[in-house]
Amino acid sequence: MKPGRILLFIAAVMAALAALGAVIPDEGFEVAGHYVGFTSLHRLAQPDEPEPVAIEAEAEPPEMLALLDSVNYYSSVIHSGDLRFWLPDEHYFDPFWRQARAAKREGRVLRVLHYGDSQIEMDHITSRLRAYMQSRFGGGGPGMIPFRPITPSPTVRGGASGELLHLASFGDSTVVKSRGDYGPMMQCFRMADGSATATVRAAQGKQVDNRAKAFSRVTLLFNNRGQRLAASLTDRQHRGKPIDSLCTASGIGSVAWRLDSASNSLQLSVRGQADLYALLVDDGPGVAVDNIPMRGCSGQQFTLVPEGKLAAAYAQMDVGLVIMQFGGNSVPYLKTTKQVSTYCQSLGRQIDHVRRCCPKARVLFVGPSDMSTRQRGQMQTYPIIPELIDSLAATATAHGAAFWSIYHAMGGANTMPQWTRQGLAGQDYIHFSQRGADLMGDRMAQALDNLYALYLLERRMNKRNNGN
């Protein structure tokens, strides 16, 4: 058939269909019990809009749901239970975690200063925090130590020669006080005859974490009271060849040495007129955790160092976190709510002072352990402790610091007798044994690791939500 005839046929069919659509009603009709219908011209010209289809919200993928579950879990652990924190704001520790993660990459030694009373002597608790921090973020070495040892330590040993006058903001009546010339350890040694020599040896025992057994960076921190301060470092790696340093600027300063490879012993000789604040004995970039015990202290010594001097000393270091662990020495003397309030007000001033002197650091106040006294023939918790813990937590957060409670971490009221029976605390029902201190250090490290885990989870969620 020719194309013209085909077109003519199609046109005729369409015309017939159009005629049928025009005469047949929209609702159709019945023929012999059967329905007959036909699409109208109007519906052909304007077809009905399709019914809208409901679109369900996209379900969270399994990975996101798992992240949310983990965030909720760590949030619960951090805000309740034995290892909980009291925080001035939800992301208080985030700046510290960022610095700790970046320290090794940036070649920094980020310091954690752990101040405390006799509960942390002999590197108690601190040693476990150090092991945790350095396993997470790198770094090594025993950290900050006095020029001459004050108390024995299983982590670092040594001695000093020369006529050294011990100045300290704490201790009994035999300790010489000064007008704030104490430095960041709240004590120092003044060279009386113009020369002194210190020897330092990192302990190698099985109980010492391997990362603390060597050092490659040594820093002498001081207040130069004269015009010329000379220092000479000798270590095994250099086979007796001294490395000399010289400082001609008066005031608070430091001299530092970097060794080509790690060593475990040194000898440092100093000549001049100076207050020797501390030795920083570290290994490589990462995090250093310093044990700074102050026997008999109640935590009120920080304001004895003038703000300018303490700030200048902190400025010689890279401080990311200051831990202030106090309160136990005051417990036996606190009897009333007013006494608790007065004591906590004083501690609030100490926190303010530290924060002003070290504004880039986070501050964590750690409350005392459970302590027992004899009541009706039995060893029981000092009645004032629960009230003191609540007041310390409120004070710390009100002054911009975090708070963590050893009392809660032990289990609360009347747990000290249990710890004593298990060999985790001494017969004085106050101090931890070595095993108890290790356990408490691990619990504090676990509490901090909970914070860090939440920080990492929230980072992942933020990256996912931002499409990164």
Protein backbone atom coordinates (compact mmCIF):
# COMPACT_ATOMS: atom_id res chain seq x y z
CA MET A 1 0.00 0.00 0.00
CA LYS A 2 1.20 3.46 -0.84
CA PRO A 3 2.27 5.82 2.02
CA GLY A 4 -0.40 8.34 1.17
CA ARG A 5 -3.16 5.76 1.54
CA ILE A 6 -1.69 4.61 4.92
CA LEU A 7 -1.79 8.14 6.29
CA LEU A 8 -5.33 8.57 5.02
CA PHE A 9 -6.38 5.33 6.80
CA ILE A 10 -4.79 6.42 10.14
CA ALA A 11 -6.51 9.80 9.93
CA ALA A 12 -9.89 8.14 9.29
CA VAL A 13 -9.47 5.82 12.30
CA MET A 14 -8.54 8.72 14.60
CA ALA A 15 -11.54 10.72 13.40
CA ALA A 16 -13.85 7.79 14.12
CA LEU A 17 -12.42 7.36 17.61
CA ALA A 18 -12.82 11.06 18.26
CA ALA A 19 -16.44 10.89 17.16
CA LEU A 20 -17.09 7.96 19.53
CA GLY A 21 -15.41 9.85 22.43
CA ALA A 22 -17.66 12.81 21.75
CA VAL A 23 -20.94 10.89 21.81
CA ILE A 24 -20.26 8.30 24.53
CA PRO A 25 -20.78 9.75 28.07
CA ASP A 26 -17.88 9.89 30.54
CA GLU A 27 -19.58 7.43 32.85
CA GLY A 28 -20.15 4.86 30.00
CA PHE A 29 -23.22 2.65 29.50
CA GLU A 30 -24.35 -0.97 29.69
CA VAL A 31 -25.06 -3.28 26.72
CA ALA A 32 -26.48 -6.75 27.48
CA GLY A 33 -25.16 -6.54 31.07
CA HIS A 34 -21.68 -5.41 30.00
CA TYR A 35 -20.12 -2.02 30.75
CA VAL A 36 -18.95 0.00 27.78
CA GLY A 37 -16.75 3.06 28.35
CA PHE A 38 -14.51 5.30 26.31
CA THR A 39 -11.98 8.01 27.10
CA SER A 40 -13.39 11.48 26.50
CA LEU A 41 -11.71 14.15 24.41
CA HIS A 42 -11.30 16.24 27.58
CA ARG A 43 -9.37 13.51 29.42
CA LEU A 44 -7.25 12.91 26.30
CA ALA A 45 -6.38 16.60 26.19
CA GLN A 46 -5.80 16.92 30.01
CA PRO A 47 -4.85 13.58 31.51
CA ASP A 48 -5.40 13.15 35.27
CA GLU A 49 -2.48 14.00 37.53
CA PRO A 50 -1.07 10.86 39.11
CA GLU A 51 -1.74 10.44 42.82
CA PRO A 52 1.26 11.61 44.83
CA VAL A 53 3.36 8.77 46.23
CA ALA A 54 4.41 9.07 49.88
CA ILE A 55 8.20 9.01 50.19
CA GLU A 56 9.48 7.52 53.42
CA ALA A 57 12.37 9.26 55.25
CA GLU A 58 15.69 7.61 54.51
CA ALA A 59 16.55 5.17 57.28
CA GLU A 60 19.84 5.65 59.12
CA PRO A 61 22.44 3.21 57.78
CA PRO A 62 23.61 0.51 60.20
CA GLU A 63 27.01 2.20 60.64
CA MET A 64 25.38 5.45 61.80
CA LEU A 65 23.08 3.59 64.18
CA ALA A 66 26.10 1.82 65.67
CA LEU A 67 27.85 5.17 66.12
CA LEU A 68 24.80 6.62 67.87
CA ASP A 69 24.61 3.60 70.18
CA SER A 70 28.29 3.98 71.06
CA VAL A 71 27.95 7.71 71.68
CA ASN A 72 24.98 7.11 73.96
CA TYR A 73 26.88 4.41 75.85
CA TYR A 74 29.98 6.54 76.52
CA SER A 75 27.86 9.59 77.37
CA SER A 76 26.09 7.50 79.99
CA VAL A 77 29.34 6.15 81.43
CA ILE A 78 30.92 9.61 81.58
CA HIS A 79 27.96 11.24 83.35
CA SER A 80 27.02 8.46 85.77
CA GLY A 81 28.53 5.52 87.61
CA ASP A 82 31.78 4.97 89.49
CA LEU A 83 34.04 6.51 86.81
CA ARG A 84 31.91 9.55 86.01
CA PHE A 85 33.19 13.09 85.46
CA TRP A 86 31.74 16.42 86.46
CA LEU A 87 32.41 18.78 83.53
CA PRO A 88 32.04 22.56 83.14
CA ASP A 89 30.93 21.87 79.55
CA GLU A 90 30.41 18.78 77.40
CA HIS A 91 33.49 19.31 75.23
CA TYR A 92 35.82 20.54 77.95
CA PHE A 93 38.61 18.05 77.18
CA ASP A 94 38.45 18.36 73.38
CA PRO A 95 41.33 20.89 73.14
CA PHE A 96 43.57 18.56 75.15
CA TRP A 97 42.75 15.55 72.96
CA ARG A 98 43.48 17.58 69.82
CA GLN A 99 46.87 18.63 71.20
CA ALA A 100 47.73 15.12 72.37
CA ARG A 101 46.90 13.63 68.97
CA ALA A 102 49.01 16.25 67.19
CA ALA A 103 52.02 16.28 69.56
CA LYS A 104 54.00 13.47 67.98
CA ARG A 105 53.34 14.68 64.44
CA GLU A 106 54.36 18.23 65.37
CA GLY A 107 57.48 17.19 67.30
CA ARG A 108 56.09 18.53 70.62
CA VAL A 109 56.34 17.22 74.17
CA LEU A 110 52.90 17.97 75.60
CA ARG A 111 52.97 17.86 79.40
CA VAL A 112 50.46 16.53 81.90
CA LEU A 113 51.32 17.88 85.36
CA HIS A 114 49.99 15.58 88.11
CA TYR A 115 50.04 17.41 91.45
CA GLY A 116 48.94 15.63 94.59
CA ASP A 117 49.55 14.84 98.23
CA SER A 118 51.24 11.73 99.63
CA GLN A 119 48.79 9.48 97.77
CA ILE A 120 50.90 9.98 94.62
CA GLU A 121 54.36 9.66 96.21
CA MET A 122 56.66 7.06 94.63
CA ASP A 123 54.98 7.71 91.28
CA HIS A 124 51.76 6.16 92.59
CA ILE A 125 48.81 6.52 90.20
CA THR A 126 50.89 8.81 87.94
CA SER A 127 52.90 5.88 86.56
CA ARG A 128 49.73 4.22 85.26
CA LEU A 129 48.47 7.48 83.75
CA ARG A 130 51.85 7.91 82.07
CA ALA A 131 51.75 4.40 80.63
CA TYR A 132 48.25 5.02 79.25
CA MET A 133 48.99 8.45 77.76
CA GLN A 134 52.24 7.38 76.12
CA SER A 135 50.71 4.19 74.72
CA ARG A 136 48.00 6.32 73.13
CA PHE A 137 49.93 9.37 71.98
CA GLY A 138 53.63 8.51 72.02
CA GLY A 139 56.39 9.94 74.14
CA GLY A 140 58.49 8.45 76.91
CA GLY A 141 60.84 9.09 79.80
CA PRO A 142 60.10 9.62 83.50
CA GLY A 143 59.12 13.30 83.06
CA MET A 144 59.69 16.23 85.43
CA ILE A 145 61.81 15.59 88.53
CA PRO A 146 63.42 17.83 91.17
CA PHE A 147 67.14 18.58 90.83
CA ARG A 148 67.71 16.49 93.95
CA PRO A 149 65.30 13.65 94.85
CA ILE A 150 62.97 14.35 97.77
CA THR A 151 61.16 11.02 98.00
CA PRO A 152 62.13 7.64 96.52
CA SER A 153 60.65 6.63 93.19
CA PRO A 154 60.63 3.26 91.42
CA THR A 155 60.73 5.08 88.06
CA VAL A 156 63.78 7.34 88.32
CA ARG A 157 66.71 7.49 90.72
CA GLY A 158 69.60 9.83 91.34
CA GLY A 159 71.21 12.31 93.64
CA ALA A 160 72.92 15.68 93.77
CA SER A 161 76.11 17.18 95.15
CA GLY A 162 76.94 20.74 96.04
CA GLU A 163 75.61 23.09 98.65
CA LEU A 164 71.90 23.23 97.82
CA LEU A 165 69.30 25.04 99.89
CA HIS A 166 65.90 23.36 99.65
CA LEU A 167 63.06 25.88 99.35
CA ALA A 168 59.51 24.51 99.49
CA SER A 169 55.96 25.77 99.90
CA PHE A 170 55.08 22.63 101.87
CA GLY A 171 56.60 20.37 104.48
CA ASP A 172 57.44 20.63 108.18
CA SER A 173 59.11 23.50 110.03
CA THR A 174 62.60 22.42 108.91
CA VAL A 175 61.82 23.36 105.29
CA VAL A 176 62.99 26.82 104.24
CA LYS A 177 60.26 29.09 102.91
CA SER A 178 60.83 31.84 100.36
CA ARG A 179 58.91 34.66 98.74
CA GLY A 180 57.39 32.48 96.06
CA ASP A 181 60.64 31.30 94.45
CA TYR A 182 59.38 27.72 94.16
CA GLY A 183 58.76 27.08 90.48
CA PRO A 184 56.22 24.68 88.95
CA MET A 185 57.03 21.88 91.45
CA MET A 186 56.20 24.20 94.38
CA GLN A 187 59.81 23.70 95.54
CA CYS A 188 63.32 24.33 94.25
CA PHE A 189 67.03 24.11 95.14
CA ARG A 190 69.11 27.27 95.43
CA MET A 191 72.82 26.95 94.67
CA ALA A 192 74.50 28.45 97.72
CA ASP A 193 78.11 28.10 96.59
CA GLY A 194 77.61 28.63 92.87
CA SER A 195 77.84 25.02 91.64
CA ALA A 196 75.92 21.75 91.79
CA THR A 197 75.85 18.39 90.03
CA ALA A 198 72.88 16.07 89.59
CA THR A 199 72.88 12.43 88.50
CA VAL A 200 69.77 10.83 87.01
CA ARG A 201 69.13 7.20 86.12
CA ALA A 202 65.92 5.84 84.64
CA ALA A 203 65.04 2.63 86.49
CA GLN A 204 65.02 -0.59 84.49
CA GLY A 205 62.90 -2.82 86.75
CA LYS A 206 60.05 -5.01 85.57
CA GLN A 207 57.49 -2.82 87.33
CA VAL A 208 58.54 0.21 85.23
CA ASP A 209 56.80 0.78 81.90
CA ASN A 210 59.27 0.34 79.04
CA ARG A 211 58.56 3.82 77.67
CA ALA A 212 59.84 5.39 80.91
CA LYS A 213 63.18 3.54 80.86
CA ALA A 214 65.03 5.93 78.53
CA PHE A 215 65.20 9.59 77.54
CA SER A 216 66.50 11.61 74.60
CA ARG A 217 65.48 15.14 75.65
CA VAL A 218 66.71 16.85 78.80
CA THR A 219 65.69 20.34 79.95
CA LEU A 220 66.90 22.30 82.97
CA LEU A 221 64.32 24.76 84.27
CA PHE A 222 65.59 27.56 86.53
CA ASN A 223 65.44 31.10 87.79
CA ASN A 224 68.79 32.69 86.90
CA ARG A 225 69.65 35.06 89.73
CA GLY A 226 72.98 36.12 88.25
CA GLN A 227 74.42 37.09 84.88
CA ARG A 228 75.92 33.84 83.65
CA LEU A 229 74.61 30.33 84.12
CA ALA A 230 76.61 27.49 82.58
CA ALA A 231 75.41 23.89 82.36
CA SER A 232 77.15 20.77 81.06
CA LEU A 233 75.40 17.46 80.31
CA THR A 234 77.17 14.10 80.14
CA ASP A 235 75.46 10.82 79.34
CA ARG A 236 76.46 7.28 78.38
CA GLN A 237 75.59 7.81 74.73
CA HIS A 238 78.30 10.48 74.40
CA ARG A 239 80.81 8.37 76.35
CA GLY A 240 81.73 11.07 78.77
CA LYS A 241 81.96 13.95 76.28
CA PRO A 242 80.03 16.88 77.84
CA ILE A 243 77.47 18.96 75.96
CA ASP A 244 77.71 22.54 77.18
CA SER A 245 75.00 25.21 77.37
CA LEU A 246 75.10 28.80 78.52
CA CYS A 247 72.40 31.24 79.65
CA THR A 248 73.20 34.93 80.09
CA ALA A 249 69.65 36.21 80.61
CA SER A 250 68.47 36.67 84.17
CA GLY A 251 65.11 35.48 85.35
CA ILE A 252 63.11 32.34 84.68
CA GLY A 253 64.35 30.32 81.72
CA SER A 254 65.52 26.94 80.52
CA VAL A 255 68.28 25.20 78.60
CA ALA A 256 67.64 22.01 76.65
CA TRP A 257 69.61 19.16 75.15
CA ARG A 258 68.56 16.69 72.45
CA LEU A 259 70.47 13.44 72.28
CA ASP A 260 71.05 11.59 69.02
CA SER A 261 69.77 8.39 70.61
CA ALA A 262 68.06 7.45 73.85
CA SER A 263 70.03 7.06 77.07
CA ASN A 264 69.11 5.89 80.57
CA SER A 265 71.55 7.91 82.71
CA LEU A 266 73.01 11.40 82.82
CA GLN A 267 75.11 13.76 84.85
CA LEU A 268 74.38 17.48 84.80
CA SER A 269 76.73 20.09 86.23
CA VAL A 270 75.59 23.69 86.75
CA ARG A 271 77.59 26.81 87.67
CA GLY A 272 76.20 30.23 88.54
CA GLN A 273 73.64 31.78 90.85
CA ALA A 274 70.24 30.22 90.32
CA ASP A 275 67.21 28.54 91.81
CA LEU A 276 67.03 25.14 90.12
CA TYR A 277 63.35 24.42 89.54
CA ALA A 278 63.31 21.05 87.82
CA LEU A 279 64.76 18.64 85.29
CA LEU A 280 62.53 17.50 82.43
CA VAL A 281 63.67 14.05 81.33
CA ASP A 282 61.69 12.94 78.27
CA ASP A 283 61.96 10.69 75.24
CA GLY A 284 60.90 11.94 71.86
CA PRO A 285 57.75 13.84 70.89
CA GLY A 286 54.43 12.85 72.39
CA VAL A 287 53.05 13.22 75.91
CA ALA A 288 55.00 13.52 79.17
CA VAL A 289 53.25 12.84 82.49
CA ASP A 290 54.92 14.39 85.54
CA ASN A 291 54.59 13.13 89.10
CA ILE A 292 54.63 16.10 91.55
CA PRO A 293 53.89 14.89 95.10
CA MET A 294 53.59 17.35 97.97
CA ARG A 295 53.37 15.47 101.27
CA GLY A 296 50.95 16.93 103.78
CA CYS A 297 49.43 19.41 101.33
CA SER A 298 45.79 20.37 101.24
CA GLY A 299 46.05 21.85 97.73
CA GLN A 300 46.35 25.49 98.85
CA GLN A 301 50.02 26.04 97.91
CA PHE A 302 49.64 27.29 94.34
CA THR A 303 48.81 30.88 95.24
CA LEU A 304 52.05 31.01 97.26
CA VAL A 305 53.85 31.37 93.91
CA PRO A 306 53.16 34.84 92.44
CA GLU A 307 51.23 34.73 89.20
CA GLY A 308 54.02 36.27 87.14
CA LYS A 309 56.60 33.73 88.32
CA LEU A 310 54.38 30.69 87.95
CA ALA A 311 53.14 31.82 84.53
CA ALA A 312 56.75 32.37 83.39
CA ALA A 313 57.72 28.87 84.56
CA TYR A 314 54.75 27.24 82.83
CA ALA A 315 55.62 29.20 79.67
CA GLN A 316 58.93 27.30 79.49
CA MET A 317 56.93 24.10 78.97
CA ASP A 318 54.09 22.94 76.72
CA VAL A 319 51.39 22.15 79.29
CA GLY A 320 48.14 20.58 78.09
CA LEU A 321 46.60 19.27 81.31
CA VAL A 322 47.01 20.05 85.01
CA ILE A 323 45.71 17.46 87.49
CA MET A 324 45.22 18.67 91.09
CA GLN A 325 44.61 15.71 93.43
CA PHE A 326 43.91 16.97 96.95
CA GLY A 327 41.49 16.93 99.84
CA GLY A 328 42.47 13.88 101.86
CA ASN A 329 44.73 15.75 104.29
CA SER A 330 41.87 18.09 105.23
CA VAL A 331 39.24 15.41 105.85
CA PRO A 332 40.08 14.75 109.55
CA TYR A 333 39.78 18.47 110.34
CA LEU A 334 36.51 19.24 108.55
CA LYS A 335 33.52 18.87 110.85
CA THR A 336 30.88 21.33 109.66
CA THR A 337 29.28 22.52 106.43
CA LYS A 338 30.80 25.98 106.99
CA GLN A 339 34.30 24.49 107.26
CA VAL A 340 33.76 22.54 104.04
CA SER A 341 32.52 25.68 102.30
CA THR A 342 35.53 27.73 103.46
CA TYR A 343 37.97 25.04 102.34
CA CYS A 344 36.35 24.70 98.92
CA GLN A 345 36.35 28.48 98.44
CA SER A 346 40.12 28.40 98.98
CA LEU A 347 40.50 25.58 96.45
CA GLY A 348 38.47 27.61 93.97
CA ARG A 349 41.08 30.36 94.28
CA GLN A 350 43.83 27.80 93.63
CA ILE A 351 42.09 26.62 90.45
CA ASP A 352 41.65 30.21 89.28
CA HIS A 353 45.34 30.90 89.92
CA VAL A 354 46.49 27.87 87.92
CA ARG A 355 44.14 28.67 85.05
CA ARG A 356 45.42 32.26 84.86
CA CYS A 357 49.04 31.09 84.94
CA CYS A 358 48.50 28.33 82.36
CA PRO A 359 45.51 29.49 80.27
CA LYS A 360 45.90 26.96 77.44
CA ALA A 361 45.76 23.93 79.73
CA ARG A 362 42.71 22.03 80.91
CA VAL A 363 42.43 21.54 84.70
CA LEU A 364 41.17 18.35 86.35
CA PHE A 365 40.58 18.35 90.10
CA VAL A 366 40.63 14.86 91.63
CA GLY A 367 38.83 14.41 94.94
CA PRO A 368 40.07 12.23 97.81
CA SER A 369 39.57 8.53 98.39
CA ASP A 370 37.34 6.90 100.95
CA MET A 371 39.00 7.21 104.37
CA SER A 372 38.05 5.41 107.55
CA THR A 373 37.90 6.41 111.19
CA ARG A 374 36.80 4.33 114.15
CA GLN A 375 33.15 4.83 115.02
CA ARG A 376 31.39 2.66 117.59
CA GLY A 377 34.19 0.16 117.44
CA GLN A 378 34.27 -0.16 113.63
CA MET A 379 36.25 1.49 110.85
CA GLN A 380 33.78 3.60 108.87
CA THR A 381 33.87 6.44 106.35
CA TYR A 382 34.53 9.90 107.79
CA PRO A 383 31.02 11.40 107.99
CA ILE A 384 32.04 14.61 106.19
CA ILE A 385 33.39 12.92 103.03
CA PRO A 386 30.15 12.67 100.95
CA GLU A 387 29.40 16.35 101.59
CA LEU A 388 33.00 17.29 100.79
CA ILE A 389 32.93 15.39 97.48
CA ASP A 390 29.71 17.11 96.39
CA SER A 391 31.12 20.52 97.35
CA LEU A 392 34.44 19.87 95.58
CA ALA A 393 32.63 18.84 92.39
CA ALA A 394 30.50 21.98 92.45
CA THR A 395 33.53 24.18 93.19
CA ALA A 396 35.67 22.72 90.41
CA THR A 397 33.05 23.10 87.69
CA ALA A 398 32.08 26.58 88.89
CA HIS A 399 35.72 27.63 88.49
CA GLY A 400 36.14 26.17 85.01
CA ALA A 401 37.72 22.82 85.88
CA ALA A 402 36.61 19.20 85.56
CA PHE A 403 36.20 16.96 88.59
CA TRP A 404 36.75 13.23 89.14
CA SER A 405 36.20 11.34 92.39
CA ILE A 406 38.50 8.60 93.72
CA TYR A 407 35.88 8.06 96.45
CA HIS A 408 33.33 7.04 93.80
CA ALA A 409 35.92 5.06 91.81
CA MET A 410 36.61 2.95 94.90
CA GLY A 411 32.91 2.19 95.29
CA GLY A 412 31.76 4.87 97.72
CA ALA A 413 31.13 4.74 101.46
CA ASN A 414 32.87 2.13 103.61
CA THR A 415 34.91 0.65 100.78
CA MET A 416 38.30 1.45 102.34
CA PRO A 417 38.07 -1.50 104.82
CA GLN A 418 37.45 -3.82 101.85
CA TRP A 419 40.47 -2.42 100.02
CA THR A 420 42.56 -2.85 103.17
CA ARG A 421 41.49 -6.47 103.62
CA GLN A 422 42.42 -7.19 99.99
CA GLY A 423 45.88 -5.65 100.40
CA LEU A 424 45.01 -2.67 98.21
CA ALA A 425 45.40 -0.13 101.04
CA GLY A 426 47.49 0.20 104.18
CA GLN A 427 46.51 -0.36 107.77
CA ASP A 428 46.09 3.40 108.22
CA TYR A 429 42.90 3.10 106.12
CA ILE A 430 44.06 6.11 104.10
CA HIS A 431 46.90 5.31 101.71
CA PHE A 432 46.89 2.84 98.84
CA SER A 433 49.40 0.03 98.61
CA GLN A 434 51.39 -0.34 95.41
CA ARG A 435 48.76 -2.71 94.04
CA GLY A 436 45.95 -0.40 95.09
CA ALA A 437 47.66 2.64 93.56
CA ASP A 438 48.17 0.74 90.30
CA LEU A 439 44.52 -0.26 90.27
CA MET A 440 43.38 3.31 90.96
CA GLY A 441 45.75 4.64 88.30
CA ASP A 442 44.25 2.19 85.82
CA ARG A 443 40.74 3.26 86.79
CA MET A 444 41.63 6.92 86.29
CA ALA A 445 43.19 6.05 82.93
CA GLN A 446 40.04 4.13 81.96
CA ALA A 447 37.88 7.10 82.89
CA LEU A 448 40.00 9.39 80.71
CA ASP A 449 39.93 6.83 77.91
CA ASN A 450 36.12 6.88 78.05
CA LEU A 451 36.30 10.63 77.43
CA TYR A 452 38.72 10.10 74.57
CA ALA A 453 36.54 7.38 73.01
CA LEU A 454 33.54 9.74 73.05
CA TYR A 455 35.68 12.47 71.49
CA LEU A 456 36.68 10.14 68.62
CA LEU A 457 33.11 8.96 68.07
CA GLU A 458 31.79 12.50 67.90
CA ARG A 459 34.54 13.41 65.41
CA ARG A 460 33.45 10.52 63.18
CA MET A 461 29.81 11.59 63.38
CA ASN A 462 30.66 15.19 62.55
CA LYS A 463 32.74 14.13 59.56
CA ARG A 464 29.95 11.91 58.31
CA ASN A 465 27.30 14.60 58.76
CA ASN A 466 29.49 17.14 56.96
CA GLY A 467 30.14 14.76 54.09
CA ASN A 468 33.86 14.47 54.74
